[in-house]
Amino acid sequence: MLLFLKAMGFGLAVAAPVGPMSLLCMRRSLAQGARMGLATGAGIATGDAAYALVAALGLAGVSHFMLAHERPLHLAAGLFLLYLGLRTLCARAAETPAIPAYEGSRARPVGSTYAGSVLLTLTNPPTIIMFAAIFASLAPPGGFALHAAVLTVGGVFAGSALWWCGLVAVLSSARHAIGPRARRWIDRIAGVTLVAFGVAEIRRAL
């Protein structure tokens, strides 16, 4: 249980910093509601857990493959973030300022939102190195047994999921209190920031 709680704390700490995935989750929670926000957060937590599993089990072949293809993965992530940012800017500019239009559902199905979040999270192979360092500090003498690895990965997932659930709950409860003008500014800021993250990822790939 202590190992699970420690891993849960690490999962929470990994999820908390603001990055492109955090921004994407926040915007979807405000624009499309809790279901899309939770689907995004669950996808991010699943991606983190997948990398944690690779690190915990010492799957050298998988980590070597991901790190060897780091540049194409960064390029894919950058292009996708660029697309999301431009789509956010263009879609919001084309819509009327009425709240029903903003809240209308152009949202993708929950399943594809979840899958897209998992794939986008997995386009950052250095995360394996980070989890390997974390697990080195958590590993009991003699390394991880299978049950300990499962507990650790489960803790990482639980901590990450806890963060996203809390964030989505706060934002979803506040979305109806935000006026159309503020929503448009949120979209503009989110779009520009996602484009900037996309360009940064593409530069890492070059």
Protein backbone atom coordinates (compact mmCIF):
# COMPACT_ATOMS: atom_id res chain seq x y z
CA MET A 1 0.00 0.00 0.00
CA LEU A 2 2.87 2.37 0.78
CA LEU A 3 4.36 1.67 -2.66
CA PHE A 4 0.98 2.37 -4.29
CA LEU A 5 0.59 5.67 -2.43
CA LYS A 6 4.11 6.79 -3.35
CA ALA A 7 3.48 5.94 -7.00
CA MET A 8 0.16 7.77 -6.80
CA GLY A 9 1.99 10.86 -5.57
CA PHE A 10 4.42 10.64 -8.48
CA GLY A 11 1.52 10.24 -10.92
CA LEU A 12 -0.11 13.34 -9.48
CA ALA A 13 3.14 15.28 -9.73
CA VAL A 14 3.69 14.22 -13.35
CA ALA A 15 0.15 15.26 -14.35
CA ALA A 16 0.04 18.62 -12.57
CA PRO A 17 2.48 20.78 -14.62
CA VAL A 18 0.79 22.84 -17.34
CA GLY A 19 1.62 21.66 -20.86
CA PRO A 20 -0.14 21.12 -24.19
CA MET A 21 -2.17 18.18 -22.89
CA SER A 22 -3.25 20.13 -19.80
CA LEU A 23 -4.35 23.00 -22.01
CA LEU A 24 -6.24 20.64 -24.30
CA CYS A 25 -8.04 19.04 -21.36
CA MET A 26 -8.94 22.42 -19.87
CA ARG A 27 -10.29 23.80 -23.12
CA ARG A 28 -12.39 20.72 -23.85
CA SER A 29 -13.80 20.82 -20.33
CA LEU A 30 -14.85 24.45 -20.79
CA ALA A 31 -16.04 24.18 -24.38
CA GLN A 32 -17.55 20.69 -24.53
CA GLY A 33 -18.28 19.72 -20.95
CA ALA A 34 -17.16 17.14 -18.43
CA ARG A 35 -17.46 14.06 -20.66
CA MET A 36 -14.91 15.31 -23.19
CA GLY A 37 -12.67 16.67 -20.45
CA LEU A 38 -12.71 13.34 -18.63
CA ALA A 39 -12.10 11.42 -21.86
CA THR A 40 -9.04 13.59 -22.51
CA GLY A 41 -7.77 13.23 -18.94
CA ALA A 42 -8.31 9.47 -18.96
CA GLY A 43 -6.33 9.22 -22.20
CA ILE A 44 -3.44 11.18 -20.71
CA ALA A 45 -3.47 9.01 -17.56
CA THR A 46 -3.48 5.86 -19.72
CA GLY A 47 -0.51 7.10 -21.73
CA ASP A 48 1.40 7.89 -18.54
CA ALA A 49 0.56 4.44 -17.17
CA ALA A 50 1.77 2.79 -20.39
CA TYR A 51 5.15 4.51 -20.11
CA ALA A 52 5.26 3.68 -16.41
CA LEU A 53 4.67 0.00 -17.26
CA VAL A 54 7.55 0.01 -19.74
CA ALA A 55 9.84 1.57 -17.14
CA ALA A 56 8.67 -0.71 -14.30
CA LEU A 57 9.09 -3.93 -16.25
CA GLY A 58 12.35 -2.85 -17.83
CA LEU A 59 11.14 -3.43 -21.38
CA ALA A 60 14.36 -2.32 -23.03
CA GLY A 61 13.24 -3.23 -26.55
CA VAL A 62 10.15 -1.04 -26.35
CA SER A 63 11.94 1.92 -24.80
CA HIS A 64 14.81 1.64 -27.30
CA PHE A 65 12.34 1.62 -30.21
CA MET A 66 10.46 4.65 -28.88
CA LEU A 67 13.63 6.62 -28.20
CA ALA A 68 15.11 5.65 -31.59
CA HIS A 69 12.01 7.10 -33.28
CA GLU A 70 11.85 10.15 -31.06
CA ARG A 71 12.10 12.68 -33.90
CA PRO A 72 9.23 11.29 -36.03
CA LEU A 73 7.08 11.10 -32.90
CA HIS A 74 7.84 14.72 -31.99
CA LEU A 75 7.02 15.70 -35.58
CA ALA A 76 3.69 13.85 -35.41
CA ALA A 77 2.86 15.47 -32.07
CA GLY A 78 3.83 18.90 -33.37
CA LEU A 79 1.69 18.61 -36.49
CA PHE A 80 -1.28 17.38 -34.47
CA LEU A 81 -0.95 20.20 -31.92
CA LEU A 82 -0.61 22.69 -34.78
CA TYR A 83 -3.79 21.30 -36.33
CA LEU A 84 -5.66 21.50 -33.01
CA GLY A 85 -4.50 25.07 -32.42
CA LEU A 86 -5.45 26.29 -35.90
CA ARG A 87 -8.75 24.44 -35.73
CA THR A 88 -9.52 26.11 -32.41
CA LEU A 89 -8.76 29.57 -33.79
CA CYS A 90 -10.66 29.08 -37.06
CA ALA A 91 -13.69 27.32 -35.58
CA ARG A 92 -14.19 29.91 -32.87
CA ALA A 93 -13.85 32.80 -35.30
CA ALA A 94 -16.49 31.28 -37.57
CA GLU A 95 -19.05 30.78 -34.83
CA THR A 96 -21.48 33.32 -33.43
CA PRO A 97 -20.88 34.57 -29.89
CA ALA A 98 -24.05 32.96 -28.59
CA ILE A 99 -23.52 30.47 -25.79
CA PRO A 100 -25.59 27.69 -27.42
CA ALA A 101 -23.33 27.83 -30.48
CA TYR A 102 -20.28 27.60 -28.28
CA GLU A 103 -21.73 24.71 -26.34
CA GLY A 104 -23.17 23.01 -29.38
CA SER A 105 -21.61 19.71 -29.97
CA ARG A 106 -19.01 19.66 -32.59
CA ALA A 107 -17.25 17.38 -30.17
CA ARG A 108 -15.83 14.14 -31.41
CA PRO A 109 -17.13 10.88 -29.93
CA VAL A 110 -15.80 10.15 -26.47
CA GLY A 111 -13.95 7.03 -27.66
CA SER A 112 -11.98 8.85 -30.36
CA THR A 113 -11.23 11.71 -27.96
CA TYR A 114 -9.82 9.20 -25.46
CA ALA A 115 -7.80 7.35 -28.13
CA GLY A 116 -6.41 10.58 -29.55
CA SER A 117 -5.30 11.70 -26.08
CA VAL A 118 -3.54 8.37 -25.47
CA LEU A 119 -1.69 8.59 -28.79
CA LEU A 120 -0.71 12.22 -28.30
CA THR A 121 0.61 11.43 -24.80
CA LEU A 122 2.65 8.53 -26.22
CA THR A 123 4.45 10.81 -28.68
CA ASN A 124 6.81 11.93 -25.91
CA PRO A 125 9.31 9.04 -25.53
CA PRO A 126 11.60 10.82 -23.00
CA THR A 127 8.78 10.22 -20.51
CA ILE A 128 10.13 6.66 -20.28
CA ILE A 129 13.43 8.02 -18.96
CA MET A 130 11.60 10.15 -16.41
CA PHE A 131 9.60 7.18 -15.15
CA ALA A 132 12.70 5.01 -15.10
CA ALA A 133 14.34 7.56 -12.78
CA ILE A 134 11.21 7.68 -10.61
CA PHE A 135 10.99 3.91 -10.38
CA ALA A 136 14.67 3.66 -9.50
CA SER A 137 13.85 5.59 -6.35
CA LEU A 138 10.80 3.44 -5.64
CA ALA A 139 12.29 0.03 -6.44
CA PRO A 140 12.62 -2.36 -3.49
CA PRO A 141 15.91 -4.25 -3.03
CA GLY A 142 16.26 -6.76 -5.85
CA GLY A 143 14.07 -4.78 -8.23
CA PHE A 144 10.37 -4.93 -9.01
CA ALA A 145 8.47 -8.18 -8.78
CA LEU A 146 5.45 -8.41 -11.04
CA HIS A 147 2.94 -7.55 -8.30
CA ALA A 148 5.04 -4.56 -7.21
CA ALA A 149 5.26 -3.34 -10.82
CA VAL A 150 1.48 -3.63 -11.20
CA LEU A 151 0.92 -1.73 -7.93
CA THR A 152 3.32 1.01 -9.02
CA VAL A 153 1.77 1.42 -12.45
CA GLY A 154 -1.70 1.40 -10.90
CA GLY A 155 -0.60 4.10 -8.48
CA VAL A 156 0.75 6.28 -11.30
CA PHE A 157 -2.53 5.90 -13.20
CA ALA A 158 -4.61 6.63 -10.08
CA GLY A 159 -2.62 9.76 -9.24
CA SER A 160 -2.79 11.08 -12.77
CA ALA A 161 -6.51 10.28 -13.07
CA LEU A 162 -7.20 11.97 -9.71
CA TRP A 163 -5.62 15.19 -10.97
CA TRP A 164 -7.58 15.20 -14.22
CA CYS A 165 -10.88 14.38 -12.51
CA GLY A 166 -10.40 17.24 -10.06
CA LEU A 167 -9.41 19.68 -12.79
CA VAL A 168 -12.35 18.72 -15.02
CA ALA A 169 -14.80 18.95 -12.10
CA VAL A 170 -13.68 22.50 -11.28
CA LEU A 171 -13.72 23.71 -14.89
CA SER A 172 -17.01 22.03 -15.78
CA SER A 173 -18.75 23.63 -12.81
CA ALA A 174 -17.46 27.04 -13.88
CA ARG A 175 -18.17 26.83 -17.62
CA HIS A 176 -21.74 28.14 -17.42
CA ALA A 177 -20.61 31.17 -15.43
CA ILE A 178 -18.21 32.27 -18.18
CA GLY A 179 -19.70 34.72 -20.68
CA PRO A 180 -19.40 34.49 -24.48
CA ARG A 181 -16.73 37.21 -24.68
CA ALA A 182 -14.55 35.45 -22.09
CA ARG A 183 -15.07 32.15 -23.91
CA ARG A 184 -13.87 33.65 -27.17
CA TRP A 185 -10.73 34.97 -25.46
CA ILE A 186 -10.12 31.56 -23.88
CA ASP A 187 -10.34 30.00 -27.33
CA ARG A 188 -7.93 32.53 -28.82
CA ILE A 189 -5.40 32.04 -26.05
CA ALA A 190 -5.78 28.26 -26.20
CA GLY A 191 -5.42 28.24 -29.99
CA VAL A 192 -2.30 30.41 -30.02
CA THR A 193 -0.73 28.42 -27.18
CA LEU A 194 -1.42 25.08 -28.88
CA VAL A 195 0.13 26.42 -32.10
CA ALA A 196 3.20 27.53 -30.12
CA PHE A 197 3.52 24.08 -28.51
CA GLY A 198 3.13 22.49 -31.94
CA VAL A 199 5.88 24.62 -33.45
CA ALA A 200 8.15 23.81 -30.49
CA GLU A 201 7.55 20.05 -31.02
CA ILE A 202 8.30 20.36 -34.74
CA ARG A 203 11.55 22.19 -33.97
CA ARG A 204 12.54 19.35 -31.64
CA ALA A 205 12.04 16.96 -34.53
CA LEU A 206 14.33 18.87 -36.92
